[in-house]
Amino acid sequence: MRGWLAAMALLCAAQAGAAGQRLRIVSLAPNLTEIAYAAGAGDAIVGTVEYSDYPEAARRLPRVGDAWRVDMEQVLALHPDLVLIWPSGTPVAVIEQLRRLGLKVVVVPTFRLADVPSALRSIGALAGSVAPAERAAQAFERDIAAQRRDHADREPLSVFIEIDDEPVYTVNGQHVISEVVQLCGGRNVFAGLPQIAPPVALETVLQHDPQVILSTDDTIDDPQAQWSRWPRLRAVRAGTIYSLPADLVTRATPRLAQGVRVTCAALDDARQRLAR
């Protein structure tokens, strides 16, 4: 994989150099856009998709579509040297069409915590910003390692992760949010489900009776009030229901390190409340 990336980086750099310009990249995922900026490659991004809102500079980039639809004419008009793809976010048909148009497609998976520094290094290598990408990758790895050490012996808690409330959606154990919860000493009660982000029946949540509820749904003003209708739940009785910033815990970028901190802080508070 590293050999392939090195070859791709050399090819792209040679083409950009021959044209007398810096590498031009279109990013088709908000998290990859954010990673590119963190890797020192922000000035190479010439286009992106909706919801690419961090850092502030990303808001000013031309939009070529969203997670479901990509305007190929707009992409071609930007003359990209390569297109960054998040495999779970871009339809296969879109990827195939990009390739048929002769565009270089680079698939960057970001499903686990370890994928974030890997993506930083990959994009840094492609864009010729290896040094800042390496600094960002190492900073992320140090932060995550420190949080992992600090919470290695914490009392395990059963956790329900709510990503939407109407209908109720959660995540299984393959999602990065579930990995974050596990790092903090939590156990996702729906980790064993086959779908990565499945709907679940409210009755099933009540049956699991989680000790903690973590909501990443930004449309819910007060998740404590939402769940107070079921006072027999342990999380309701103990007041261990928390709202987490969706961008910090659902978007696999360097800011996920902040997401780990706020998630661990919530579970640490829950342990204190449950011990009373």
C-alpha atoms as a PDB file:
ATOM      1  CA  MET A   1       0.000   0.000   0.000  1.00  0.00           C
ATOM      2  CA  ARG A   2       2.755   2.465   0.862  1.00  0.00           C
ATOM      3  CA  GLY A   3       4.577   1.579  -2.360  1.00  0.00           C
ATOM      4  CA  TRP A   4       1.433   2.268  -4.366  1.00  0.00           C
ATOM      5  CA  LEU A   5       0.941   5.600  -2.624  1.00  0.00           C
ATOM      6  CA  ALA A   6       4.543   6.581  -3.240  1.00  0.00           C
ATOM      7  CA  ALA A   7       4.176   5.766  -6.937  1.00  0.00           C
ATOM      8  CA  MET A   8       0.927   7.718  -7.143  1.00  0.00           C
ATOM      9  CA  ALA A   9       2.479  10.679  -5.332  1.00  0.00           C
ATOM     10  CA  LEU A  10       5.438  10.747  -7.734  1.00  0.00           C
ATOM     11  CA  LEU A  11       3.146  10.504 -10.750  1.00  0.00           C
ATOM     12  CA  CYS A  12       0.861  13.288  -9.560  1.00  0.00           C
ATOM     13  CA  ALA A  13       3.784  15.505  -8.600  1.00  0.00           C
ATOM     14  CA  ALA A  14       5.378  14.963 -12.010  1.00  0.00           C
ATOM     15  CA  GLN A  15       2.158  15.836 -13.812  1.00  0.00           C
ATOM     16  CA  ALA A  16       1.563  18.924 -11.702  1.00  0.00           C
ATOM     17  CA  GLY A  17       5.175  19.994 -12.169  1.00  0.00           C
ATOM     18  CA  ALA A  18       4.954  19.529 -15.918  1.00  0.00           C
ATOM     19  CA  ALA A  19       1.915  21.785 -15.957  1.00  0.00           C
ATOM     20  CA  GLY A  20       3.709  24.378 -13.850  1.00  0.00           C
ATOM     21  CA  GLN A  21       1.167  24.240 -11.057  1.00  0.00           C
ATOM     22  CA  ARG A  22       0.489  22.682  -7.693  1.00  0.00           C
ATOM     23  CA  LEU A  23      -1.410  19.417  -7.449  1.00  0.00           C
ATOM     24  CA  ARG A  24      -5.190  19.881  -7.799  1.00  0.00           C
ATOM     25  CA  ILE A  25      -7.431  17.682  -5.658  1.00  0.00           C
ATOM     26  CA  VAL A  26     -11.203  17.291  -5.477  1.00  0.00           C
ATOM     27  CA  SER A  27     -12.422  15.745  -2.216  1.00  0.00           C
ATOM     28  CA  LEU A  28     -15.762  13.939  -2.228  1.00  0.00           C
ATOM     29  CA  ALA A  29     -16.109  13.610   1.559  1.00  0.00           C
ATOM     30  CA  PRO A  30     -16.214  16.259   4.315  1.00  0.00           C
ATOM     31  CA  ASN A  31     -13.895  14.236   6.532  1.00  0.00           C
ATOM     32  CA  LEU A  32     -11.297  13.846   3.772  1.00  0.00           C
ATOM     33  CA  THR A  33     -11.424  17.583   3.109  1.00  0.00           C
ATOM     34  CA  GLU A  34     -10.762  18.213   6.793  1.00  0.00           C
ATOM     35  CA  ILE A  35      -7.954  15.654   6.854  1.00  0.00           C
ATOM     36  CA  ALA A  36      -6.356  17.269   3.801  1.00  0.00           C
ATOM     37  CA  TYR A  37      -6.215  20.621   5.572  1.00  0.00           C
ATOM     38  CA  ALA A  38      -4.786  18.996   8.704  1.00  0.00           C
ATOM     39  CA  ALA A  39      -2.175  17.274   6.515  1.00  0.00           C
ATOM     40  CA  GLY A  40      -1.006  20.617   5.120  1.00  0.00           C
ATOM     41  CA  ALA A  41      -2.652  20.013   1.766  1.00  0.00           C
ATOM     42  CA  GLY A  42      -5.522  22.472   2.043  1.00  0.00           C
ATOM     43  CA  ASP A  43      -4.243  24.699  -0.747  1.00  0.00           C
ATOM     44  CA  ALA A  44      -4.335  21.719  -3.120  1.00  0.00           C
ATOM     45  CA  ILE A  45      -8.091  21.194  -2.617  1.00  0.00           C
ATOM     46  CA  VAL A  46      -9.952  22.891  -5.470  1.00  0.00           C
ATOM     47  CA  GLY A  47     -13.412  21.435  -4.880  1.00  0.00           C
ATOM     48  CA  THR A  48     -15.423  19.411  -2.397  1.00  0.00           C
ATOM     49  CA  VAL A  49     -18.952  18.382  -1.411  1.00  0.00           C
ATOM     50  CA  GLU A  50     -21.695  19.728   0.854  1.00  0.00           C
ATOM     51  CA  TYR A  51     -21.123  19.689   4.638  1.00  0.00           C
ATOM     52  CA  SER A  52     -17.394  20.298   4.193  1.00  0.00           C
ATOM     53  CA  ASP A  53     -17.441  22.982   6.870  1.00  0.00           C
ATOM     54  CA  TYR A  54     -14.148  22.609   8.728  1.00  0.00           C
ATOM     55  CA  PRO A  55     -11.793  24.374   8.843  1.00  0.00           C
ATOM     56  CA  GLU A  56     -13.314  27.728   7.905  1.00  0.00           C
ATOM     57  CA  ALA A  57     -11.409  27.803   4.602  1.00  0.00           C
ATOM     58  CA  ALA A  58     -13.247  24.646   3.512  1.00  0.00           C
ATOM     59  CA  ARG A  59     -16.542  26.542   3.525  1.00  0.00           C
ATOM     60  CA  ARG A  60     -15.322  28.686   0.628  1.00  0.00           C
ATOM     61  CA  LEU A  61     -14.459  25.798  -1.690  1.00  0.00           C
ATOM     62  CA  PRO A  62     -16.572  25.147  -4.801  1.00  0.00           C
ATOM     63  CA  ARG A  63     -19.179  22.410  -4.276  1.00  0.00           C
ATOM     64  CA  VAL A  64     -19.495  19.562  -6.765  1.00  0.00           C
ATOM     65  CA  GLY A  65     -22.333  17.672  -5.091  1.00  0.00           C
ATOM     66  CA  ASP A  66     -23.063  15.752  -1.915  1.00  0.00           C
ATOM     67  CA  ALA A  67     -22.929  12.211  -0.533  1.00  0.00           C
ATOM     68  CA  TRP A  68     -25.453  10.901  -3.085  1.00  0.00           C
ATOM     69  CA  ARG A  69     -24.944  13.041  -6.167  1.00  0.00           C
ATOM     70  CA  VAL A  70     -21.847  14.373  -7.910  1.00  0.00           C
ATOM     71  CA  ASP A  71     -21.934  16.858 -10.801  1.00  0.00           C
ATOM     72  CA  MET A  72     -19.365  15.392 -13.182  1.00  0.00           C
ATOM     73  CA  GLU A  73     -19.243  18.524 -15.324  1.00  0.00           C
ATOM     74  CA  GLN A  74     -18.285  20.587 -12.295  1.00  0.00           C
ATOM     75  CA  VAL A  75     -15.627  18.059 -11.317  1.00  0.00           C
ATOM     76  CA  LEU A  76     -14.111  18.082 -14.805  1.00  0.00           C
ATOM     77  CA  ALA A  77     -14.199  21.894 -14.921  1.00  0.00           C
ATOM     78  CA  LEU A  78     -11.878  21.952 -11.889  1.00  0.00           C
ATOM     79  CA  HIS A  79      -9.235  19.902 -13.769  1.00  0.00           C
ATOM     80  CA  PRO A  80      -8.275  17.737 -10.771  1.00  0.00           C
ATOM     81  CA  ASP A  81      -5.133  15.624 -10.798  1.00  0.00           C
ATOM     82  CA  LEU A  82      -6.895  13.230  -8.455  1.00  0.00           C
ATOM     83  CA  VAL A  83     -10.189  12.732  -6.628  1.00  0.00           C
ATOM     84  CA  LEU A  84     -10.337  11.624  -2.995  1.00  0.00           C
ATOM     85  CA  ILE A  85     -13.068   9.107  -2.197  1.00  0.00           C
ATOM     86  CA  TRP A  86     -14.407   7.827   1.118  1.00  0.00           C
ATOM     87  CA  PRO A  87     -15.518   4.259   0.243  1.00  0.00           C
ATOM     88  CA  SER A  88     -18.574   4.216   2.514  1.00  0.00           C
ATOM     89  CA  GLY A  89     -19.794   7.641   1.448  1.00  0.00           C
ATOM     90  CA  THR A  90     -19.554   7.645  -2.343  1.00  0.00           C
ATOM     91  CA  PRO A  91     -21.792   5.325  -4.416  1.00  0.00           C
ATOM     92  CA  VAL A  92     -19.933   2.713  -6.456  1.00  0.00           C
ATOM     93  CA  ALA A  93     -21.597   4.002  -9.617  1.00  0.00           C
ATOM     94  CA  VAL A  94     -20.113   7.454  -9.020  1.00  0.00           C
ATOM     95  CA  ILE A  95     -16.627   6.007  -8.495  1.00  0.00           C
ATOM     96  CA  GLU A  96     -16.909   3.964 -11.696  1.00  0.00           C
ATOM     97  CA  GLN A  97     -18.067   7.019 -13.657  1.00  0.00           C
ATOM     98  CA  LEU A  98     -15.131   9.077 -12.389  1.00  0.00           C
ATOM     99  CA  ARG A  99     -12.756   6.372 -13.571  1.00  0.00           C
ATOM    100  CA  ARG A 100     -14.464   6.128 -16.978  1.00  0.00           C
ATOM    101  CA  LEU A 101     -13.884   9.859 -17.363  1.00  0.00           C
ATOM    102  CA  GLY A 102     -10.165   9.204 -16.956  1.00  0.00           C
ATOM    103  CA  LEU A 103      -9.845  10.760 -13.509  1.00  0.00           C
ATOM    104  CA  LYS A 104      -7.423   9.328 -10.944  1.00  0.00           C
ATOM    105  CA  VAL A 105      -9.434   8.109  -7.966  1.00  0.00           C
ATOM    106  CA  VAL A 106      -7.790   7.572  -4.581  1.00  0.00           C
ATOM    107  CA  VAL A 107      -9.890   5.687  -2.029  1.00  0.00           C
ATOM    108  CA  VAL A 108      -9.095   6.685   1.558  1.00  0.00           C
ATOM    109  CA  PRO A 109     -10.834   4.508   4.195  1.00  0.00           C
ATOM    110  CA  THR A 110     -11.466   6.081   7.595  1.00  0.00           C
ATOM    111  CA  PHE A 111     -13.479   3.638   9.665  1.00  0.00           C
ATOM    112  CA  ARG A 112     -11.319   3.192  12.780  1.00  0.00           C
ATOM    113  CA  LEU A 113      -9.207   5.425  14.997  1.00  0.00           C
ATOM    114  CA  ALA A 114      -6.011   4.062  13.447  1.00  0.00           C
ATOM    115  CA  ASP A 115      -7.271   5.062   9.994  1.00  0.00           C
ATOM    116  CA  VAL A 116      -7.015   8.778  10.818  1.00  0.00           C
ATOM    117  CA  PRO A 117      -3.205   8.997  11.050  1.00  0.00           C
ATOM    118  CA  SER A 118      -2.955   6.620   8.094  1.00  0.00           C
ATOM    119  CA  ALA A 119      -5.161   8.962   6.033  1.00  0.00           C
ATOM    120  CA  LEU A 120      -3.122  11.988   7.105  1.00  0.00           C
ATOM    121  CA  ARG A 121       0.091  10.325   5.951  1.00  0.00           C
ATOM    122  CA  SER A 122      -1.475   9.106   2.698  1.00  0.00           C
ATOM    123  CA  ILE A 123      -2.849  12.496   1.694  1.00  0.00           C
ATOM    124  CA  GLY A 124       0.340  14.210   2.824  1.00  0.00           C
ATOM    125  CA  ALA A 125       2.361  11.896   0.589  1.00  0.00           C
ATOM    126  CA  LEU A 126       0.086  12.517  -2.379  1.00  0.00           C
ATOM    127  CA  ALA A 127       0.090  16.298  -1.939  1.00  0.00           C
ATOM    128  CA  GLY A 128       3.768  16.699  -1.104  1.00  0.00           C
ATOM    129  CA  SER A 129       3.102  17.874   2.438  1.00  0.00           C
ATOM    130  CA  VAL A 130       4.727  14.954   4.238  1.00  0.00           C
ATOM    131  CA  ALA A 131       6.186  16.895   7.182  1.00  0.00           C
ATOM    132  CA  PRO A 132       2.988  18.615   8.413  1.00  0.00           C
ATOM    133  CA  ALA A 133       1.009  15.434   7.768  1.00  0.00           C
ATOM    134  CA  GLU A 134       3.443  13.428   9.891  1.00  0.00           C
ATOM    135  CA  ARG A 135       3.270  15.977  12.711  1.00  0.00           C
ATOM    136  CA  ALA A 136      -0.527  15.838  12.690  1.00  0.00           C
ATOM    137  CA  ALA A 137      -0.515  12.036  12.568  1.00  0.00           C
ATOM    138  CA  GLN A 138       1.883  11.708  15.495  1.00  0.00           C
ATOM    139  CA  ALA A 139      -0.033  14.254  17.568  1.00  0.00           C
ATOM    140  CA  PHE A 140      -3.239  12.284  17.027  1.00  0.00           C
ATOM    141  CA  GLU A 141      -1.577   8.990  17.897  1.00  0.00           C
ATOM    142  CA  ARG A 142      -0.089  10.422  21.099  1.00  0.00           C
ATOM    143  CA  ASP A 143      -3.434  11.869  22.175  1.00  0.00           C
ATOM    144  CA  ILE A 144      -5.324   8.628  21.563  1.00  0.00           C
ATOM    145  CA  ALA A 145      -2.636   6.534  23.266  1.00  0.00           C
ATOM    146  CA  ALA A 146      -2.765   8.765  26.360  1.00  0.00           C
ATOM    147  CA  GLN A 147      -6.562   8.496  26.568  1.00  0.00           C
ATOM    148  CA  ARG A 148      -6.339   4.729  26.115  1.00  0.00           C
ATOM    149  CA  ARG A 149      -3.837   4.436  28.997  1.00  0.00           C
ATOM    150  CA  ASP A 150      -5.902   6.690  31.255  1.00  0.00           C
ATOM    151  CA  HIS A 151      -9.063   4.649  30.777  1.00  0.00           C
ATOM    152  CA  ALA A 152      -7.644   1.144  30.532  1.00  0.00           C
ATOM    153  CA  ASP A 153      -8.872   0.096  33.982  1.00  0.00           C
ATOM    154  CA  ARG A 154     -12.145   2.005  34.182  1.00  0.00           C
ATOM    155  CA  GLU A 155     -15.250   0.159  35.340  1.00  0.00           C
ATOM    156  CA  PRO A 156     -17.126  -1.023  32.221  1.00  0.00           C
ATOM    157  CA  LEU A 157     -20.514   0.574  31.559  1.00  0.00           C
ATOM    158  CA  SER A 158     -23.300  -0.494  29.199  1.00  0.00           C
ATOM    159  CA  VAL A 159     -23.954   2.268  26.675  1.00  0.00           C
ATOM    160  CA  PHE A 160     -26.648   3.028  24.136  1.00  0.00           C
ATOM    161  CA  ILE A 161     -25.417   5.264  21.303  1.00  0.00           C
ATOM    162  CA  GLU A 162     -28.232   7.274  19.716  1.00  0.00           C
ATOM    163  CA  ILE A 163     -27.488   8.885  16.353  1.00  0.00           C
ATOM    164  CA  ASP A 164     -31.111   9.682  15.429  1.00  0.00           C
ATOM    165  CA  ASP A 165     -34.361   9.721  17.346  1.00  0.00           C
ATOM    166  CA  GLU A 166     -37.177   9.508  14.753  1.00  0.00           C
ATOM    167  CA  PRO A 167     -36.862   6.624  14.120  1.00  0.00           C
ATOM    168  CA  VAL A 168     -34.258   5.563  16.634  1.00  0.00           C
ATOM    169  CA  TYR A 169     -30.927   4.747  14.998  1.00  0.00           C
ATOM    170  CA  THR A 170     -27.755   3.449  16.592  1.00  0.00           C
ATOM    171  CA  VAL A 171     -24.390   2.020  15.472  1.00  0.00           C
ATOM    172  CA  ASN A 172     -22.852  -1.413  15.743  1.00  0.00           C
ATOM    173  CA  GLY A 173     -19.384  -2.325  16.955  1.00  0.00           C
ATOM    174  CA  GLN A 174     -17.737  -1.587  13.601  1.00  0.00           C
ATOM    175  CA  HIS A 175     -18.453   2.152  13.762  1.00  0.00           C
ATOM    176  CA  VAL A 176     -15.732   4.470  15.035  1.00  0.00           C
ATOM    177  CA  ILE A 177     -18.106   5.893  17.695  1.00  0.00           C
ATOM    178  CA  SER A 178     -18.407   2.426  19.183  1.00  0.00           C
ATOM    179  CA  GLU A 179     -14.611   2.120  19.200  1.00  0.00           C
ATOM    180  CA  VAL A 180     -14.370   5.450  21.020  1.00  0.00           C
ATOM    181  CA  VAL A 181     -16.905   4.298  23.616  1.00  0.00           C
ATOM    182  CA  GLN A 182     -14.949   1.062  24.107  1.00  0.00           C
ATOM    183  CA  LEU A 183     -11.687   3.004  24.562  1.00  0.00           C
ATOM    184  CA  CYS A 184     -13.390   4.998  27.328  1.00  0.00           C
ATOM    185  CA  GLY A 185     -14.500   1.849  29.128  1.00  0.00           C
ATOM    186  CA  GLY A 186     -17.985   1.568  27.669  1.00  0.00           C
ATOM    187  CA  ARG A 187     -19.763  -1.375  26.062  1.00  0.00           C
ATOM    188  CA  ASN A 188     -22.065  -0.659  23.133  1.00  0.00           C
ATOM    189  CA  VAL A 189     -25.234  -2.656  23.820  1.00  0.00           C
ATOM    190  CA  PHE A 190     -25.873  -2.982  20.081  1.00  0.00           C
ATOM    191  CA  ALA A 191     -22.294  -3.817  19.069  1.00  0.00           C
ATOM    192  CA  GLY A 192     -23.314  -7.209  17.697  1.00  0.00           C
ATOM    193  CA  LEU A 193     -25.831  -6.014  15.111  1.00  0.00           C
ATOM    194  CA  PRO A 194     -24.870  -6.750  11.481  1.00  0.00           C
ATOM    195  CA  GLN A 195     -25.603  -3.279  10.056  1.00  0.00           C
ATOM    196  CA  ILE A 196     -23.182  -0.465  10.796  1.00  0.00           C
ATOM    197  CA  ALA A 197     -25.956   2.105  11.474  1.00  0.00           C
ATOM    198  CA  PRO A 198     -29.243   0.243  11.951  1.00  0.00           C
ATOM    199  CA  PRO A 199     -32.664   1.392  13.170  1.00  0.00           C
ATOM    200  CA  VAL A 200     -33.667  -0.207  16.467  1.00  0.00           C
ATOM    201  CA  ALA A 201     -37.013  -0.620  18.175  1.00  0.00           C
ATOM    202  CA  LEU A 202     -37.528   1.507  21.266  1.00  0.00           C
ATOM    203  CA  GLU A 203     -38.662  -1.622  23.104  1.00  0.00           C
ATOM    204  CA  THR A 204     -35.256  -3.189  22.436  1.00  0.00           C
ATOM    205  CA  VAL A 205     -33.475  -0.197  23.978  1.00  0.00           C
ATOM    206  CA  LEU A 206     -35.711  -0.497  27.044  1.00  0.00           C
ATOM    207  CA  GLN A 207     -34.935  -4.216  27.287  1.00  0.00           C
ATOM    208  CA  HIS A 208     -31.177  -3.535  27.256  1.00  0.00           C
ATOM    209  CA  ASP A 209     -31.667  -0.901  29.987  1.00  0.00           C
ATOM    210  CA  PRO A 210     -28.284   0.791  29.383  1.00  0.00           C
ATOM    211  CA  GLN A 211     -26.441   2.503  32.205  1.00  0.00           C
ATOM    212  CA  VAL A 212     -25.550   5.390  29.893  1.00  0.00           C
ATOM    213  CA  ILE A 213     -27.163   6.989  26.838  1.00  0.00           C
ATOM    214  CA  LEU A 214     -24.959   9.006  24.480  1.00  0.00           C
ATOM    215  CA  SER A 215     -26.766  11.107  21.879  1.00  0.00           C
ATOM    216  CA  THR A 216     -24.962  12.471  18.821  1.00  0.00           C
ATOM    217  CA  ASP A 217     -28.203  13.761  17.265  1.00  0.00           C
ATOM    218  CA  ASP A 218     -27.768  17.531  16.991  1.00  0.00           C
ATOM    219  CA  THR A 219     -31.499  17.964  16.371  1.00  0.00           C
ATOM    220  CA  ILE A 220     -32.304  16.925  19.957  1.00  0.00           C
ATOM    221  CA  ASP A 221     -32.081  19.975  22.228  1.00  0.00           C
ATOM    222  CA  ASP A 222     -32.355  17.983  25.455  1.00  0.00           C
ATOM    223  CA  PRO A 223     -31.849  14.200  25.252  1.00  0.00           C
ATOM    224  CA  GLN A 224     -32.433  13.949  29.018  1.00  0.00           C
ATOM    225  CA  ALA A 225     -35.958  15.299  28.520  1.00  0.00           C
ATOM    226  CA  GLN A 226     -36.477  13.033  25.513  1.00  0.00           C
ATOM    227  CA  TRP A 227     -35.734   9.884  27.518  1.00  0.00           C
ATOM    228  CA  SER A 228     -37.427  11.012  30.739  1.00  0.00           C
ATOM    229  CA  ARG A 229     -40.649   9.450  29.430  1.00  0.00           C
ATOM    230  CA  TRP A 230     -39.175   6.095  30.471  1.00  0.00           C
ATOM    231  CA  PRO A 231     -38.236   6.650  34.136  1.00  0.00           C
ATOM    232  CA  ARG A 232     -37.483   2.983  34.775  1.00  0.00           C
ATOM    233  CA  LEU A 233     -34.339   3.207  32.614  1.00  0.00           C
ATOM    234  CA  ARG A 234     -31.163   3.199  34.702  1.00  0.00           C
ATOM    235  CA  ALA A 235     -29.743   6.050  32.635  1.00  0.00           C
ATOM    236  CA  VAL A 236     -32.815   8.167  33.336  1.00  0.00           C
ATOM    237  CA  ARG A 237     -32.800   7.431  37.071  1.00  0.00           C
ATOM    238  CA  ALA A 238     -29.091   8.204  37.395  1.00  0.00           C
ATOM    239  CA  GLY A 239     -29.110  11.209  35.040  1.00  0.00           C
ATOM    240  CA  THR A 240     -26.457   9.600  32.832  1.00  0.00           C
ATOM    241  CA  ILE A 241     -27.708  10.856  29.481  1.00  0.00           C
ATOM    242  CA  TYR A 242     -25.280  13.002  27.513  1.00  0.00           C
ATOM    243  CA  SER A 243     -25.268  14.979  24.293  1.00  0.00           C
ATOM    244  CA  LEU A 244     -22.014  14.730  22.321  1.00  0.00           C
ATOM    245  CA  PRO A 245     -20.986  17.040  19.445  1.00  0.00           C
ATOM    246  CA  ALA A 246     -21.663  15.057  16.288  1.00  0.00           C
ATOM    247  CA  ASP A 247     -18.733  16.494  14.330  1.00  0.00           C
ATOM    248  CA  LEU A 248     -16.282  15.442  17.033  1.00  0.00           C
ATOM    249  CA  VAL A 249     -17.441  11.849  17.437  1.00  0.00           C
ATOM    250  CA  THR A 250     -18.935  10.856  14.082  1.00  0.00           C
ATOM    251  CA  ARG A 251     -16.488  12.412  11.615  1.00  0.00           C
ATOM    252  CA  ALA A 252     -13.227  10.477  11.399  1.00  0.00           C
ATOM    253  CA  THR A 253     -10.713  13.341  11.372  1.00  0.00           C
ATOM    254  CA  PRO A 254      -7.979  14.567  13.745  1.00  0.00           C
ATOM    255  CA  ARG A 255     -10.747  16.240  15.793  1.00  0.00           C
ATOM    256  CA  LEU A 256     -11.805  12.738  16.772  1.00  0.00           C
ATOM    257  CA  ALA A 257      -9.171  13.034  19.516  1.00  0.00           C
ATOM    258  CA  GLN A 258     -11.354  15.758  21.039  1.00  0.00           C
ATOM    259  CA  GLY A 259     -14.313  13.443  20.597  1.00  0.00           C
ATOM    260  CA  VAL A 260     -12.532  10.782  22.634  1.00  0.00           C
ATOM    261  CA  ARG A 261     -11.942  13.290  25.435  1.00  0.00           C
ATOM    262  CA  VAL A 262     -15.571  14.435  25.636  1.00  0.00           C
ATOM    263  CA  THR A 263     -16.834  10.848  25.449  1.00  0.00           C
ATOM    264  CA  CYS A 264     -14.482   9.682  28.193  1.00  0.00           C
ATOM    265  CA  ALA A 265     -15.441  12.687  30.319  1.00  0.00           C
ATOM    266  CA  ALA A 266     -19.122  11.738  29.955  1.00  0.00           C
ATOM    267  CA  LEU A 267     -18.494   8.133  30.984  1.00  0.00           C
ATOM    268  CA  ASP A 268     -16.320   9.233  33.918  1.00  0.00           C
ATOM    269  CA  ASP A 269     -19.167  11.470  35.095  1.00  0.00           C
ATOM    270  CA  ALA A 270     -21.602   8.583  34.641  1.00  0.00           C
ATOM    271  CA  ARG A 271     -19.491   6.322  36.862  1.00  0.00           C
ATOM    272  CA  GLN A 272     -19.617   8.896  39.646  1.00  0.00           C
ATOM    273  CA  ARG A 273     -23.389   9.315  39.322  1.00  0.00           C
ATOM    274  CA  LEU A 274     -24.051   5.572  39.218  1.00  0.00           C
ATOM    275  CA  ALA A 275     -21.901   5.052  42.331  1.00  0.00           C
ATOM    276  CA  ARG A 276     -24.025   7.382  44.463  1.00  0.00           C
END
